[in-house]
Amino acid sequence: MTKVVFKSLKPGRSTKSAPPSVEKKRVALGNGRWKTVYRLDANSPTFDADLQYVFSRNVAKARRENKRLFGSPE
């Protein structure tokens, strides 16, 4: 007898944390909601990589939101 095992073939999420020169803060908006804001250090020697990190996080968040609202990430 064969045992059937179901497993996702998608690769797992990377657990890479933010670079040290990127700060993640939650700020309160006027309507009582919270928003996550990333702060970059402009004098960092790795500014290019930090900007790429923040941009990719923002794009991923926008795609998740579009998928939730419209059913498509585009």
N, C-alpha and C. Protein backbone atom coordinates (compact mmCIF):
# COMPACT_ATOMS: atom_id res chain seq x y z
N MET A 1 0.85 -1.17 0.00
CA MET A 1 0.00 0.00 0.00
C MET A 1 0.89 1.23 0.00
N THR A 2 0.45 2.25 -0.72
CA THR A 2 1.21 3.48 -0.86
C THR A 2 0.60 4.57 0.01
N LYS A 3 1.47 5.32 0.65
CA LYS A 3 1.01 6.43 1.48
C LYS A 3 1.07 7.71 0.65
N VAL A 4 -0.01 8.46 0.60
CA VAL A 4 -0.07 9.70 -0.16
C VAL A 4 0.27 10.86 0.76
N VAL A 5 1.24 11.66 0.33
CA VAL A 5 1.68 12.81 1.12
C VAL A 5 1.50 14.06 0.26
N PHE A 6 0.84 15.07 0.79
CA PHE A 6 0.65 16.34 0.10
C PHE A 6 1.61 17.35 0.68
N LYS A 7 2.36 18.00 -0.20
CA LYS A 7 3.31 19.01 0.24
C LYS A 7 3.39 20.10 -0.83
N SER A 8 3.51 21.32 -0.41
CA SER A 8 3.63 22.43 -1.34
C SER A 8 4.99 22.38 -2.03
N LEU A 9 5.01 22.66 -3.32
CA LEU A 9 6.25 22.67 -4.08
C LEU A 9 6.86 24.07 -4.15
N LYS A 10 6.16 25.04 -3.58
CA LYS A 10 6.67 26.40 -3.58
C LYS A 10 7.83 26.50 -2.59
N PRO A 11 8.86 27.25 -2.94
CA PRO A 11 9.95 27.44 -1.99
C PRO A 11 9.48 28.27 -0.80
N GLY A 12 10.05 28.03 0.35
CA GLY A 12 9.67 28.76 1.56
C GLY A 12 10.11 30.20 1.50
N ARG A 13 9.57 30.98 2.36
CA ARG A 13 9.96 32.39 2.43
C ARG A 13 11.36 32.49 2.99
N SER A 14 12.09 33.46 2.48
CA SER A 14 13.41 33.70 3.05
C SER A 14 13.22 34.46 4.37
N THR A 15 14.03 34.17 5.33
CA THR A 15 13.91 34.81 6.64
C THR A 15 14.95 35.91 6.80
N LYS A 16 15.35 36.47 5.68
CA LYS A 16 16.35 37.52 5.70
C LYS A 16 15.78 38.76 6.39
N SER A 17 16.48 39.27 7.36
CA SER A 17 16.00 40.45 8.08
C SER A 17 16.48 41.72 7.38
N ALA A 18 15.95 42.82 7.82
CA ALA A 18 16.29 44.11 7.22
C ALA A 18 17.75 44.44 7.52
N PRO A 19 18.40 45.14 6.59
CA PRO A 19 19.78 45.58 6.85
C PRO A 19 19.81 46.52 8.05
N PRO A 20 20.95 46.62 8.71
CA PRO A 20 21.02 47.46 9.92
C PRO A 20 20.75 48.94 9.65
N SER A 21 20.97 49.42 8.43
CA SER A 21 20.75 50.84 8.16
C SER A 21 19.32 51.14 7.75
N VAL A 22 18.43 50.12 7.80
CA VAL A 22 17.01 50.32 7.50
C VAL A 22 16.23 50.13 8.80
N GLU A 23 15.46 51.15 9.16
CA GLU A 23 14.63 51.06 10.36
C GLU A 23 13.18 50.87 9.96
N LYS A 24 12.51 49.99 10.65
CA LYS A 24 11.09 49.74 10.41
C LYS A 24 10.32 50.28 11.61
N LYS A 25 9.42 51.22 11.35
CA LYS A 25 8.64 51.83 12.42
C LYS A 25 7.16 51.74 12.10
N ARG A 26 6.35 51.66 13.13
CA ARG A 26 4.90 51.74 12.98
C ARG A 26 4.47 53.09 13.53
N VAL A 27 3.79 53.86 12.69
CA VAL A 27 3.34 55.18 13.12
C VAL A 27 1.82 55.22 13.10
N ALA A 28 1.25 55.98 14.00
CA ALA A 28 -0.20 56.12 14.10
C ALA A 28 -0.66 57.19 13.11
N LEU A 29 -1.71 56.88 12.38
CA LEU A 29 -2.31 57.84 11.47
C LEU A 29 -3.38 58.63 12.22
N GLY A 30 -3.88 59.67 11.60
CA GLY A 30 -4.89 60.51 12.23
C GLY A 30 -6.20 59.80 12.49
N ASN A 31 -6.51 58.76 11.69
CA ASN A 31 -7.79 58.07 11.86
C ASN A 31 -7.70 56.90 12.83
N GLY A 32 -6.60 56.78 13.55
CA GLY A 32 -6.46 55.73 14.55
C GLY A 32 -5.84 54.44 14.02
N ARG A 33 -5.53 54.38 12.75
CA ARG A 33 -4.90 53.20 12.17
C ARG A 33 -3.38 53.31 12.26
N TRP A 34 -2.71 52.20 12.01
CA TRP A 34 -1.25 52.16 12.05
C TRP A 34 -0.71 51.92 10.65
N LYS A 35 0.46 52.47 10.37
CA LYS A 35 1.13 52.29 9.08
C LYS A 35 2.59 51.99 9.34
N THR A 36 3.14 51.04 8.57
CA THR A 36 4.55 50.70 8.70
C THR A 36 5.36 51.57 7.75
N VAL A 37 6.42 52.18 8.28
CA VAL A 37 7.27 53.09 7.51
C VAL A 37 8.71 52.60 7.63
N TYR A 38 9.40 52.55 6.49
CA TYR A 38 10.81 52.19 6.49
C TYR A 38 11.64 53.46 6.37
N ARG A 39 12.69 53.55 7.18
CA ARG A 39 13.55 54.72 7.17
C ARG A 39 14.94 54.30 6.73
N LEU A 40 15.48 54.98 5.73
CA LEU A 40 16.81 54.67 5.20
C LEU A 40 17.84 55.66 5.73
N ASP A 41 19.05 55.16 5.91
CA ASP A 41 20.17 56.02 6.27
C ASP A 41 20.86 56.43 4.97
N ALA A 42 20.79 57.71 4.60
CA ALA A 42 21.33 58.18 3.33
C ALA A 42 22.84 58.11 3.30
N ASN A 43 23.50 58.12 4.44
CA ASN A 43 24.96 58.08 4.49
C ASN A 43 25.52 56.66 4.61
N SER A 44 24.66 55.68 4.47
CA SER A 44 25.09 54.29 4.58
C SER A 44 25.93 53.89 3.37
N PRO A 45 26.98 53.10 3.58
CA PRO A 45 27.77 52.63 2.44
C PRO A 45 27.00 51.62 1.57
N THR A 46 25.94 51.04 2.11
CA THR A 46 25.14 50.07 1.36
C THR A 46 23.77 50.66 1.00
N PHE A 47 23.75 51.95 0.69
CA PHE A 47 22.49 52.62 0.40
C PHE A 47 21.75 51.98 -0.77
N ASP A 48 22.48 51.59 -1.83
CA ASP A 48 21.85 50.99 -3.00
C ASP A 48 21.12 49.70 -2.63
N ALA A 49 21.77 48.84 -1.87
CA ALA A 49 21.16 47.57 -1.46
C ALA A 49 19.98 47.81 -0.51
N ASP A 50 20.11 48.80 0.35
CA ASP A 50 19.03 49.13 1.29
C ASP A 50 17.81 49.66 0.54
N LEU A 51 18.03 50.50 -0.46
CA LEU A 51 16.93 51.03 -1.25
C LEU A 51 16.25 49.91 -2.03
N GLN A 52 17.04 48.98 -2.55
CA GLN A 52 16.48 47.82 -3.25
C GLN A 52 15.62 46.99 -2.31
N TYR A 53 16.07 46.80 -1.07
CA TYR A 53 15.32 46.04 -0.08
C TYR A 53 13.98 46.70 0.22
N VAL A 54 14.00 48.00 0.48
CA VAL A 54 12.77 48.73 0.82
C VAL A 54 11.81 48.73 -0.37
N PHE A 55 12.34 48.93 -1.58
CA PHE A 55 11.50 48.94 -2.77
C PHE A 55 10.84 47.57 -2.98
N SER A 56 11.61 46.49 -2.81
CA SER A 56 11.03 45.15 -3.01
C SER A 56 9.98 44.84 -1.95
N ARG A 57 10.16 45.31 -0.74
CA ARG A 57 9.14 45.12 0.30
C ARG A 57 7.87 45.87 -0.05
N ASN A 58 7.99 47.09 -0.56
CA ASN A 58 6.82 47.88 -0.93
C ASN A 58 6.08 47.26 -2.12
N VAL A 59 6.82 46.74 -3.10
CA VAL A 59 6.19 46.10 -4.25
C VAL A 59 5.45 44.84 -3.82
N ALA A 60 6.07 44.04 -2.95
CA ALA A 60 5.44 42.82 -2.47
C ALA A 60 4.15 43.14 -1.72
N LYS A 61 4.17 44.19 -0.91
CA LYS A 61 2.98 44.58 -0.17
C LYS A 61 1.88 45.05 -1.12
N ALA A 62 2.24 45.81 -2.14
CA ALA A 62 1.25 46.29 -3.11
C ALA A 62 0.63 45.12 -3.88
N ARG A 63 1.44 44.12 -4.23
CA ARG A 63 0.92 42.96 -4.95
C ARG A 63 -0.02 42.15 -4.07
N ARG A 64 0.32 41.99 -2.80
CA ARG A 64 -0.58 41.26 -1.89
C ARG A 64 -1.91 42.00 -1.77
N GLU A 65 -1.85 43.32 -1.65
CA GLU A 65 -3.07 44.12 -1.53
C GLU A 65 -3.91 44.03 -2.80
N ASN A 66 -3.27 44.12 -3.99
CA ASN A 66 -4.01 44.00 -5.25
C ASN A 66 -4.64 42.61 -5.39
N LYS A 67 -3.92 41.60 -4.98
CA LYS A 67 -4.45 40.25 -5.08
C LYS A 67 -5.67 40.09 -4.16
N ARG A 68 -5.60 40.70 -2.99
CA ARG A 68 -6.72 40.63 -2.05
C ARG A 68 -7.93 41.37 -2.60
N LEU A 69 -7.70 42.53 -3.21
CA LEU A 69 -8.81 43.35 -3.69
C LEU A 69 -9.37 42.88 -5.03
N PHE A 70 -8.50 42.53 -5.97
CA PHE A 70 -8.94 42.27 -7.34
C PHE A 70 -8.74 40.83 -7.80
N GLY A 71 -8.07 40.01 -7.02
CA GLY A 71 -7.85 38.63 -7.41
C GLY A 71 -6.64 38.43 -8.30
N SER A 72 -5.93 39.50 -8.62
CA SER A 72 -4.75 39.43 -9.48
C SER A 72 -3.69 40.36 -8.91
N PRO A 73 -2.43 39.92 -8.87
CA PRO A 73 -1.38 40.79 -8.31
C PRO A 73 -0.96 41.93 -9.24
N GLU A 74 -1.39 41.92 -10.48
CA GLU A 74 -0.98 42.96 -11.44
C GLU A 74 -1.97 44.10 -11.47
